Protein backbone atom coordinates (compact mmCIF):
# COMPACT_ATOMS: atom_id res chain seq x y z
CA MET A 1 15.35 9.03 -2.30
CA GLU A 2 11.34 9.76 -2.01
CA ILE A 3 8.23 7.47 -2.83
CA GLU A 4 6.24 9.43 -5.62
CA GLU A 5 3.48 8.82 -7.60
CA LEU A 6 1.88 6.89 -5.15
CA LYS A 7 -1.36 4.95 -6.35
CA ILE A 8 -3.77 2.71 -5.10
CA VAL A 9 -6.31 0.63 -6.26
CA ASP A 10 -9.29 0.17 -3.15
CA ILE A 11 -11.53 -2.47 -2.80
CA ARG A 12 -13.95 -1.72 -5.75
CA GLY A 13 -11.38 -1.21 -8.02
CA ASP A 14 -11.21 2.17 -8.32
CA PHE A 15 -8.43 4.35 -8.34
CA HIS A 16 -6.80 6.62 -5.77
CA GLU A 17 -3.34 8.91 -5.40
CA ILE A 18 -2.12 9.33 -2.34
CA ASP A 19 -0.18 12.77 -2.53
CA LYS A 20 1.44 13.49 1.08
CA PRO A 21 2.01 11.71 4.10
CA GLY A 22 -0.98 10.61 7.06
CA SER A 23 -3.49 11.29 3.97
CA LYS A 24 -7.20 8.88 4.86
CA PRO A 25 -7.00 5.24 5.00
CA ILE A 26 -7.69 3.40 1.51
CA ARG A 27 -8.81 -0.39 1.85
CA ALA A 28 -6.65 -1.49 -0.88
CA GLN A 29 -6.33 -4.85 -3.05
CA LYS A 30 -2.87 -2.70 -5.85
CA ALA A 31 -0.56 -0.11 -4.71
CA THR A 32 2.27 1.08 -7.68
CA TRP A 33 4.33 4.05 -6.67
CA LYS A 34 7.59 5.13 -8.22
CA PHE A 35 10.97 4.93 -6.29
CA ASP A 36 14.39 5.40 -7.71
CA SER A 37 13.29 5.85 -10.46
CA VAL A 38 11.66 2.67 -11.08
CA ILE A 39 8.19 1.74 -11.02
CA ARG A 40 7.07 -0.58 -7.39
CA GLU A 41 4.44 -2.69 -7.01
CA PHE A 42 2.25 -4.74 -3.83
CA LYS A 43 -0.49 -6.34 -3.72
CA VAL A 44 -3.20 -8.81 -2.63
CA ALA A 45 -2.63 -12.07 -3.79
CA ASN A 46 -6.54 -13.85 -3.17
CA ARG A 47 -9.29 -11.92 -2.58
CA GLU A 48 -9.47 -12.73 1.34
CA GLN A 49 -6.78 -10.71 1.57
CA GLN A 50 -6.58 -6.33 1.85
CA PHE A 51 -4.44 -3.54 3.78
CA VAL A 52 -4.70 -0.25 4.20
CA LEU A 53 -1.48 1.70 2.90
CA PHE A 54 -0.10 5.27 4.58
CA LEU A 55 2.69 7.27 3.25
CA SER A 56 5.91 8.30 6.50
CA GLN A 57 6.23 11.99 6.67
CA ASN A 58 9.77 11.54 4.96
CA LYS A 59 8.05 9.91 1.59
CA LYS A 60 10.79 7.24 2.27
CA GLU A 61 8.37 3.75 3.94
CA LEU A 62 4.77 2.81 2.40
CA ILE A 63 3.56 1.36 6.56
CA CYS A 64 1.06 -1.32 5.36
CA PHE A 65 -2.09 -2.80 7.53
CA CYS A 66 -2.70 -6.22 6.57
CA LYS A 67 -5.84 -8.28 6.76
CA GLY A 68 -6.25 -11.86 5.60
CA TYR A 69 -2.47 -12.37 4.45
CA ILE A 70 -1.41 -15.75 6.85
CA GLU A 71 1.92 -14.39 8.04
CA TYR A 72 0.49 -11.39 8.55
CA GLU A 73 -2.06 -12.80 11.63
CA SER A 74 -3.50 -10.04 14.06
CA PRO A 75 -1.63 -9.22 16.31
CA CYS A 76 1.45 -8.80 13.71
CA ASN A 77 0.09 -7.71 10.66
CA VAL A 78 1.31 -3.79 10.38
CA ILE A 79 4.48 -4.46 7.78
CA ILE A 80 6.97 -0.96 7.06
CA LEU A 81 8.29 -1.18 3.71
CA ASN A 82 10.83 0.30 2.10
CA GLY A 83 10.52 2.52 -1.05
CA ASP A 84 12.01 0.18 -3.29
CA GLY A 85 9.35 -2.49 -1.36
CA SER A 86 11.25 -4.40 0.29
CA LEU A 87 10.20 -5.17 4.20
CA ARG A 88 11.82 -2.87 7.08
CA HIS A 89 10.09 -4.46 9.90
CA LYS A 90 7.15 -6.90 10.64
CA LEU A 91 5.03 -5.53 13.83
CA CYS A 92 3.08 -6.97 16.96
CA PRO A 93 1.80 -4.27 19.09
CA PRO A 94 4.24 -3.95 21.97
CA MET A 95 2.49 -4.39 25.55
CA PRO A 96 1.13 -1.43 26.28
CA ILE A 97 2.08 1.06 29.85
CA SER A 98 -0.09 2.97 30.07
CA ASP A 99 -1.98 3.69 33.44
CA SER A 100 -5.55 3.19 31.45
CA PHE A 101 -4.24 -0.44 30.84
CA ALA A 102 -3.07 -1.16 33.70
CA ARG A 103 -6.67 -0.82 35.82
CA TYR A 104 -7.90 -2.75 32.48
CA GLU A 105 -5.46 -4.96 33.05
CA LYS A 106 -6.33 -6.00 36.97
CA LYS A 107 -10.32 -5.83 36.11
CA VAL A 108 -10.54 -8.40 33.48
CA GLY A 109 -6.84 -10.07 33.96
CA SER A 110 -4.05 -10.70 32.33
CA LYS A 111 -4.36 -13.04 29.23
CA GLU A 112 -7.66 -12.06 28.38
CA ALA A 113 -6.06 -8.28 29.10
CA LEU A 114 -3.63 -9.04 26.98
CA SER A 115 -5.30 -11.67 24.28
CA GLU A 116 -6.83 -8.30 23.22
CA VAL A 117 -3.66 -5.76 22.67
CA ARG A 118 -4.04 -5.06 18.39
CA PHE A 119 -3.74 -1.79 16.26
CA VAL A 120 -5.39 0.73 15.72
CA GLN A 121 -4.30 3.22 13.45
CA PRO A 122 -0.95 4.91 12.55
CA GLU A 123 -0.39 8.51 13.54
CA ILE A 124 1.68 11.66 12.49
CA ILE A 125 1.64 13.95 15.48
CA LYS A 126 3.43 17.46 15.24
CA GLN A 127 4.97 18.49 18.36
CA GLY A 128 6.20 22.11 17.66
CA PRO A 129 8.13 21.96 14.54
CA LYS A 130 8.81 18.29 14.72
CA GLU A 131 6.69 15.63 13.14
CA LEU A 132 6.39 12.49 15.43
CA PHE A 133 5.62 9.72 13.83
CA ALA A 134 2.97 7.19 16.60
CA PHE A 135 0.38 4.28 16.75
CA TRP A 136 -2.42 3.23 18.09
CA ILE A 137 -2.28 0.53 19.89
CA GLY A 138 -6.03 -1.22 21.03
CA PHE A 139 -6.98 -3.09 24.05
CA GLY A 140 -10.78 -4.22 25.76
CA TYR A 141 -13.38 -2.59 23.16
CA ASP A 142 -13.04 1.03 23.41
CA TRP A 143 -9.42 1.65 24.89
CA TYR A 144 -5.88 3.24 23.58
CA GLU A 145 -3.25 3.89 24.47
CA VAL A 146 -1.02 5.88 21.56
CA ARG A 147 2.76 5.03 21.37
CA GLU A 148 5.60 7.14 19.52
CA PHE A 149 7.24 4.64 17.12
CA ASP A 150 10.80 4.85 15.33
CA LEU A 151 10.61 3.78 11.53
CA VAL A 152 14.45 3.50 10.72
CA THR A 153 14.59 1.11 14.40
CA GLY A 154 10.84 -0.68 14.73
CA ARG A 155 11.11 0.95 18.10
CA PHE A 156 8.11 1.33 20.35
CA GLY A 157 9.37 4.49 22.12
CA LYS A 158 7.40 6.76 25.12
CA LEU A 159 4.01 6.98 25.85
CA ILE A 160 2.16 9.85 24.28
CA ARG A 161 -1.72 10.10 26.02
CA ALA A 162 -4.58 7.50 26.30
CA ALA A 163 -8.03 7.58 26.39
CA ARG A 164 -11.41 5.86 26.18
CA LEU A 165 -13.25 6.02 22.54
């Protein structure tokens, strides 16, 4: 079974259909989709809440960056939803492992460096015939590292790259 007919209502009330994984992010108030012949829904409870939703490459999960949710406060503001809308994983960003982070941590101190670790965005990376799912993990004002992520287990994997924006 795959997620079908994914529709998002953005923060202005406009409707958008998402038909492919990795589509442009849209700040949303409501999303509906069909899974196992049933219409599912994820929506905000009040006007201070919003989310950005991404469709996984296998169309079985939704990756959701939440803003304004007490239960999903930053930096632990990413959730993975199963196709049926149930919660699979609530994520906190992992400890960065790049040499760039080590240098930054040495410069500003461990406490300061770790307090700035956050999710930036997801990315689908093509490596030959395979596609990897990854998250950009930000630190400092303009640094990030890209880490492989397993949507099934909820575990972060190897470092793919690190850079400064």
